[in-house]
Protein backbone atom coordinates (compact mmCIF):
# COMPACT_ATOMS: atom_id res chain seq x y z
CA MET A 1 -123.14 228.20 66.82
CA SER A 2 -123.97 227.05 63.29
CA PRO A 3 -127.61 226.45 62.46
CA THR A 4 -128.85 222.93 62.10
CA PRO A 5 -129.03 222.03 58.39
CA PRO A 6 -132.59 221.49 57.14
CA ALA A 7 -133.75 217.98 56.53
CA SER A 8 -133.84 216.83 52.94
CA PRO A 9 -137.17 216.92 51.10
CA THR A 10 -137.33 213.16 51.18
CA VAL A 11 -136.91 213.03 54.95
CA MET A 12 -139.40 215.85 55.49
CA ASP A 13 -141.97 214.15 53.25
CA ALA A 14 -141.51 210.91 55.16
CA ARG A 15 -142.01 212.68 58.49
CA GLN A 16 -145.09 214.45 57.26
CA THR A 17 -146.57 211.25 55.84
CA GLU A 18 -145.93 209.40 59.09
CA SER A 19 -147.46 212.26 61.08
CA VAL A 20 -150.57 212.30 58.93
CA ARG A 21 -150.93 208.52 59.27
CA ARG A 22 -150.79 208.66 63.03
CA ILE A 23 -153.13 211.61 63.36
CA THR A 24 -155.56 209.81 61.06
CA GLU A 25 -155.48 206.78 63.35
CA ILE A 26 -156.32 208.97 66.32
CA ASP A 27 -159.21 210.49 64.39
CA VAL A 28 -160.42 207.00 63.49
CA LEU A 29 -160.40 205.98 67.15
CA ARG A 30 -162.26 209.15 68.11
CA GLY A 31 -164.80 208.56 65.35
CA PHE A 32 -165.34 205.00 66.53
CA ALA A 33 -165.95 206.27 70.07
CA LEU A 34 -168.54 208.68 68.73
CA PHE A 35 -170.29 205.81 66.97
CA GLY A 36 -170.90 204.00 70.25
CA ILE A 37 -171.71 207.20 72.12
CA SER A 38 -174.29 208.06 69.47
CA ILE A 39 -176.17 204.84 70.17
CA ALA A 40 -175.84 204.97 73.96
CA ASN A 41 -176.83 208.63 74.11
CA THR A 42 -179.94 208.01 72.01
CA ILE A 43 -181.45 206.17 74.94
CA ASP A 44 -180.38 208.85 77.40
CA ILE A 45 -181.57 211.79 75.31
CA THR A 46 -184.99 210.28 74.62
CA GLU A 47 -185.30 209.05 78.25
CA MET A 48 -186.39 205.71 76.93
CA PRO A 49 -187.29 203.24 79.73
CA THR A 50 -184.67 200.51 79.71
CA GLY A 51 -186.06 197.78 81.91
CA ALA A 52 -183.63 195.39 83.56
CA SER A 53 -183.77 192.14 81.64
CA GLY A 54 -183.84 190.66 78.17
CA VAL A 55 -181.37 190.24 75.34
CA ALA A 56 -181.85 193.79 74.04
CA TYR A 57 -181.26 195.31 77.46
CA TRP A 58 -178.09 193.36 78.16
CA SER A 59 -176.84 193.96 74.62
CA HIS A 60 -176.99 197.67 75.39
CA GLU A 61 -175.44 197.26 78.83
CA THR A 62 -172.54 195.06 77.77
CA LEU A 63 -171.77 196.44 74.29
CA PHE A 64 -172.51 200.18 74.51
CA ASP A 65 -173.21 201.60 77.96
CA GLN A 66 -169.96 202.77 79.56
CA ARG A 67 -168.04 201.04 76.75
CA PHE A 68 -167.24 204.05 74.55
CA PHE A 69 -166.95 207.10 76.77
CA PRO A 70 -163.71 205.70 78.34
CA ILE A 71 -162.17 205.76 74.84
CA PHE A 72 -163.39 209.33 74.31
CA SER A 73 -161.99 210.38 77.73
CA PHE A 74 -158.62 208.77 77.12
CA LEU A 75 -158.34 210.42 73.73
CA PHE A 76 -159.30 213.77 75.26
CA GLY A 77 -156.26 213.58 77.54
CA LEU A 78 -154.07 212.48 74.64
CA SER A 79 -155.31 215.31 72.42
CA PHE A 80 -154.72 217.76 75.27
CA GLY A 81 -151.04 216.91 75.16
CA LEU A 82 -150.87 217.10 71.38
CA PHE A 83 -152.51 220.54 71.36
CA LEU A 84 -150.31 221.79 74.21
CA ASP A 85 -147.15 220.81 72.29
CA ALA A 86 -148.50 222.44 69.14
CA ALA A 87 -149.37 225.62 71.06
CA ALA A 88 -145.85 225.73 72.54
CA ARG A 89 -144.49 226.09 69.03
CA ARG A 90 -146.59 229.20 68.49
CA THR A 91 -146.55 230.95 71.86
CA ASP A 92 -144.47 231.24 75.01
CA ASP A 93 -147.51 230.61 77.21
CA PRO A 94 -149.25 227.52 75.83
CA ARG A 95 -151.12 226.77 79.06
CA THR A 96 -152.96 230.06 78.93
CA VAL A 97 -154.07 229.18 75.43
CA MET A 98 -155.10 225.72 76.63
CA ALA A 99 -157.07 227.28 79.51
CA ALA A 100 -158.96 229.41 77.00
CA ARG A 101 -159.62 226.32 74.90
CA LEU A 102 -161.06 224.44 77.86
CA GLY A 103 -162.90 227.51 79.06
CA PHE A 104 -164.86 227.69 75.81
CA LEU A 105 -166.34 224.26 76.57
CA VAL A 106 -167.92 225.52 79.81
CA PRO A 107 -170.68 227.69 78.28
CA LEU A 108 -171.01 225.34 75.31
CA GLY A 109 -171.47 222.36 77.60
CA ALA A 110 -173.92 224.26 79.78
CA LEU A 111 -176.05 225.09 76.72
CA HIS A 112 -175.81 221.52 75.44
CA ARG A 113 -176.94 220.25 78.84
CA LEU A 114 -180.34 221.85 78.19
CA LEU A 115 -180.92 219.19 75.52
CA GLN A 116 -178.82 216.39 77.00
CA PRO A 117 -178.72 216.43 80.83
CA ARG A 118 -175.98 213.76 80.87
CA GLU A 119 -173.76 215.46 78.32
CA ILE A 120 -170.03 215.37 79.06
CA LEU A 121 -168.46 218.56 77.66
CA LEU A 122 -169.02 220.65 80.78
CA THR A 123 -167.55 217.88 82.93
CA TYR A 124 -164.57 217.55 80.60
CA ALA A 125 -163.92 221.29 80.73
CA ILE A 126 -163.96 221.48 84.52
CA ILE A 127 -161.84 218.34 85.04
CA GLY A 128 -159.47 219.48 82.31
CA ILE A 129 -158.89 222.83 84.01
CA LEU A 130 -158.56 221.34 87.51
CA VAL A 131 -156.61 218.20 86.61
CA LEU A 132 -154.94 218.32 83.22
CA LEU A 133 -153.52 221.84 83.34
CA PRO A 134 -151.65 221.31 86.66
CA ALA A 135 -150.67 217.78 85.64
CA SER A 136 -149.06 219.06 82.43
CA PHE A 137 -146.04 220.11 84.49
CA LEU A 138 -145.41 216.51 85.60
CA PRO A 139 -143.13 213.98 83.86
CA ALA A 140 -144.62 211.07 81.95
CA ARG A 141 -143.91 208.47 84.62
CA TRP A 142 -145.77 210.51 87.23
CA LEU A 143 -148.72 210.95 84.89
CA LEU A 144 -148.84 207.22 84.23
CA GLY A 145 -148.76 206.32 87.94
CA LEU A 146 -151.28 208.99 88.96
CA GLY A 147 -153.54 208.06 86.03
CA ALA A 148 -153.57 204.39 86.98
CA ALA A 149 -154.19 205.22 90.64
CA ALA A 150 -156.94 207.72 89.87
CA THR A 151 -158.67 205.30 87.49
CA ALA A 152 -158.59 202.53 90.09
CA ALA A 153 -159.93 204.91 92.73
CA GLY A 154 -162.70 206.00 90.36
CA LEU A 155 -163.69 202.40 89.77
CA ALA A 156 -163.75 201.78 93.51
CA VAL A 157 -166.09 204.77 94.02
CA ASP A 158 -168.72 204.04 91.36
CA GLY A 159 -167.18 204.27 87.94
CA GLY A 160 -168.82 206.64 85.50
CA VAL A 161 -167.65 210.21 85.79
CA ALA A 162 -165.28 209.24 88.63
CA ILE A 163 -162.87 207.50 86.25
CA ILE A 164 -162.54 210.50 83.90
CA PRO A 165 -159.64 212.22 85.73
CA GLY A 166 -157.59 209.00 85.64
CA LEU A 167 -158.31 208.39 81.97
CA PHE A 168 -157.36 212.00 81.16
CA LEU A 169 -154.01 211.48 82.89
CA LEU A 170 -153.41 208.16 81.17
CA GLY A 171 -154.10 209.71 77.79
CA LEU A 172 -151.70 212.55 78.55
CA ALA A 173 -149.08 210.05 79.75
CA VAL A 174 -149.29 208.08 76.49
CA GLN A 175 -148.87 211.31 74.55
CA ARG A 176 -145.81 212.21 76.62
CA TYR A 177 -144.23 208.80 76.09
CA GLY A 178 -144.97 209.10 72.36
CA VAL A 179 -148.15 208.18 70.52
CA GLU A 180 -146.04 206.43 67.91
CA ASN A 181 -144.91 203.91 70.55
CA VAL A 182 -148.50 202.70 70.90
CA LEU A 183 -149.52 202.98 67.27
CA GLY A 184 -146.29 201.28 66.27
CA LEU A 185 -146.58 198.27 68.58
CA PRO A 186 -145.68 195.02 66.81
CA THR A 187 -148.76 193.23 65.54
CA GLY A 188 -147.95 190.15 67.59
CA ARG A 189 -147.89 192.09 70.88
CA LEU A 190 -151.02 193.96 69.95
CA GLY A 191 -152.73 190.65 69.16
CA ILE A 192 -151.73 189.24 72.52
CA ALA A 193 -153.06 192.34 74.29
CA PHE A 194 -156.32 192.06 72.34
CA THR A 195 -156.73 188.39 73.24
CA LEU A 196 -156.11 189.01 76.94
CA CYS A 197 -158.46 192.00 77.03
CA VAL A 198 -161.26 190.22 75.16
CA THR A 199 -161.00 187.21 77.48
CA ALA A 200 -161.21 189.48 80.52
CA ALA A 201 -164.03 191.55 79.00
CA VAL A 202 -166.16 188.47 78.27
CA ALA A 203 -165.65 187.17 81.79
CA LEU A 204 -166.50 190.51 83.37
CA ASN A 205 -169.58 191.03 81.16
CA VAL A 206 -170.90 187.57 82.03
CA TRP A 207 -170.26 188.36 85.70
CA GLN A 208 -172.14 191.64 85.31
CA ILE A 209 -175.13 189.89 83.71
CA ARG A 210 -175.26 187.27 86.46
CA ALA A 211 -174.97 189.99 89.10
CA GLY A 212 -177.97 191.69 87.50
CA GLY A 213 -176.67 195.23 87.78
CA SER A 214 -174.89 197.82 85.67
CA ASP A 215 -174.54 200.94 87.84
CA THR A 216 -171.82 199.42 89.97
CA TRP A 217 -168.04 199.18 90.04
CA LEU A 218 -168.40 195.87 88.20
CA GLY A 219 -170.26 197.50 85.31
CA ALA A 220 -167.66 200.28 85.17
CA LEU A 221 -164.75 197.80 85.21
CA ALA A 222 -166.37 195.65 82.53
CA GLY A 223 -166.96 198.78 80.51
CA LEU A 224 -163.34 199.89 80.80
CA VAL A 225 -161.89 196.51 79.82
CA THR A 226 -164.33 196.24 76.95
CA ALA A 227 -163.28 199.70 75.76
CA VAL A 228 -159.63 198.64 75.74
CA SER A 229 -160.62 195.55 73.75
CA TYR A 230 -162.36 197.78 71.20
CA LEU A 231 -159.27 199.94 70.89
CA ALA A 232 -156.98 196.98 70.36
CA ALA A 233 -159.35 195.45 67.81
CA LEU A 234 -159.56 198.70 65.85
CA LEU A 235 -155.77 199.15 65.79
CA LEU A 236 -155.44 195.60 64.44
CA LEU A 237 -158.10 196.24 61.80
CA LEU A 238 -156.23 199.32 60.63
CA ARG A 239 -153.32 197.02 59.71
CA THR A 240 -155.46 194.80 57.48
CA ARG A 241 -157.23 195.24 54.17
CA ALA A 242 -160.25 196.38 56.14
CA GLY A 243 -158.24 199.38 57.28
CA ARG A 244 -159.33 201.46 54.29
CA ALA A 245 -162.99 201.03 55.23
CA VAL A 246 -162.27 201.73 58.91
CA ARG A 247 -160.52 204.99 57.99
CA THR A 248 -163.83 206.37 56.78
CA LEU A 249 -164.41 207.11 60.48
CA ALA A 250 -161.64 209.73 60.42
CA PRO A 251 -163.74 212.72 59.20
CA VAL A 252 -166.19 212.23 62.08
CA GLY A 253 -163.25 212.11 64.46
CA ARG A 254 -161.90 215.37 63.09
CA MET A 255 -165.32 216.97 63.63
CA ALA A 256 -165.94 215.32 67.00
CA LEU A 257 -167.30 218.46 68.71
CA THR A 258 -169.69 219.28 65.87
CA CYS A 259 -170.87 215.66 65.56
CA TYR A 260 -171.28 215.15 69.30
CA ILE A 261 -173.60 218.14 69.65
CA GLY A 262 -175.15 217.63 66.20
CA ALA A 263 -176.15 214.07 67.16
CA THR A 264 -178.07 215.40 70.14
CA VAL A 265 -180.01 217.82 67.94
CA LEU A 266 -180.83 215.12 65.37
CA VAL A 267 -182.02 212.67 68.04
CA VAL A 268 -184.20 215.33 69.72
CA VAL A 269 -185.80 216.18 66.40
CA ALA A 270 -186.33 212.53 65.43
CA ASP A 271 -187.83 211.69 68.78
CA GLN A 272 -190.62 214.17 68.21
CA PHE A 273 -191.95 211.55 65.78
CA LEU A 274 -190.67 208.34 67.32
CA GLU A 275 -191.53 209.14 70.98
CA LEU A 276 -189.12 206.60 72.42
CA GLY A 277 -189.82 207.83 75.92
CA LYS A 278 -193.19 206.03 75.95
CA GLY A 279 -191.66 202.58 76.29
CA PRO A 280 -188.55 200.44 75.70
CA ASP A 281 -187.85 199.95 72.00
CA TYR A 282 -184.22 199.04 71.58
CA VAL A 283 -184.47 198.18 67.89
CA THR A 284 -185.74 201.65 67.06
CA ALA A 285 -183.26 203.33 69.42
CA PHE A 286 -180.30 201.45 67.97
CA THR A 287 -181.47 202.11 64.44
CA LEU A 288 -181.85 205.81 65.18
CA GLY A 289 -178.37 206.01 66.69
CA VAL A 290 -176.80 204.25 63.71
CA CYS A 291 -178.71 206.40 61.19
CA VAL A 292 -177.65 209.60 62.98
CA PHE A 293 -174.04 208.48 62.87
CA VAL A 294 -174.19 207.53 59.20
CA VAL A 295 -175.64 210.93 58.35
CA GLU A 296 -172.80 212.59 60.26
CA MET A 297 -170.22 210.41 58.50
CA VAL A 298 -171.46 211.53 55.08
CA LEU A 299 -171.80 215.21 56.04
CA SER A 300 -168.37 215.24 57.71
CA ALA A 301 -166.66 213.77 54.66
CA LEU A 302 -168.39 216.29 52.38
CA TRP A 303 -167.67 219.24 54.68
CA LEU A 304 -163.98 218.47 55.05
CA ARG A 305 -163.52 218.41 51.27
CA ARG A 306 -163.84 222.18 51.35
CA ALA A 307 -162.92 223.11 54.91
CA ARG A 308 -160.04 222.49 57.29
CA TYR A 309 -162.24 222.34 60.39
CA GLY A 310 -165.79 221.46 61.30
CA PRO A 311 -168.17 224.39 62.05
CA LEU A 312 -167.88 224.18 65.85
CA GLU A 313 -164.21 223.24 65.62
CA TRP A 314 -163.61 226.47 63.69
CA VAL A 315 -165.46 228.51 66.31
CA TRP A 316 -163.53 226.68 69.07
CA ARG A 317 -160.20 227.35 67.40
CA SER A 318 -161.08 231.03 66.84
CA PHE A 319 -162.03 231.54 70.48
CA THR A 320 -158.95 229.63 71.66
CA TRP A 321 -156.53 231.92 69.78
CA TRP A 322 -158.87 234.92 69.82
CA THR A 323 -158.51 235.39 66.10
CA PHE A 324 -160.33 234.13 63.02
CA HIS A 325 -158.56 231.29 61.27
CA PRO A 326 -159.27 230.59 57.61
CA SER A 327 -161.31 227.43 57.36
CA ARG A 328 -161.78 226.99 53.63
CA THR A 329 -159.19 224.71 52.06
CA THR A 330 -157.65 225.08 48.64
CA ARG A 331 -157.79 221.36 47.99
CA PRO A 332 -160.14 220.23 45.20
């Protein structure tokens, strides 16, 4: 059997350019999720009293709380599939490599939980091992159906952590169907999806405010629909002139693990002076969350000028493959 002729340089360059563009978009989405998580986690980490009324309280509940971690969870499942495919090109047993990758998050998450009791890495690692690894043998249509059913069941229970398995499966299903099919949706269809989601999100958030509660299935559902609205809005922005500014989120997305844990450390240090736990102060909490994220944006951009991976990403990759990978880049 004759070997397949190599693609021409022009075709290869086009494929590489398209691949970089799509990976960049995923990093942008992940960076955006970290932005919202940074603000929401500031209140959790400092144990700031939140009250149950007022514009500031409901701004937090309807714009940030449970609105960004669904994005992060969905992207975790999607990235799982991307890494598994990449590992399959290097080894005959990619799932063992993936198990090692998830296993590294267990002790890291346990340590992180000492600073942030509601941190998510440990939960992600356990659910990833118990759900994603076995599910990786299933075809895309099964993943999509099971993901939708598991997400609905999680919402019926109480939302929160309960919807993570379903979102993992949905992310993996999208990766199996092809990330390019989502990123390449016609702008008109994406605009319609955005309009429908925003309309539903506004209605659900108003309902949540009138119901006077957030730790219910209604709050979780409103959070999920709002998260989808955010995703659609960001994908639309990436197609406009504002896309260049939005892409500045990509370095944070590439260093998600480092920035997620680094944000906790920065907030803990800052709170030694701010003492947010003494009383509700949303302006200070929001400002601190934004400042922490801006600092991480700058540091991530500077770091990735000279390195291929973030500090913790490099350690994570080295433990995953049980070998040291060069991190320093030759790019100027």
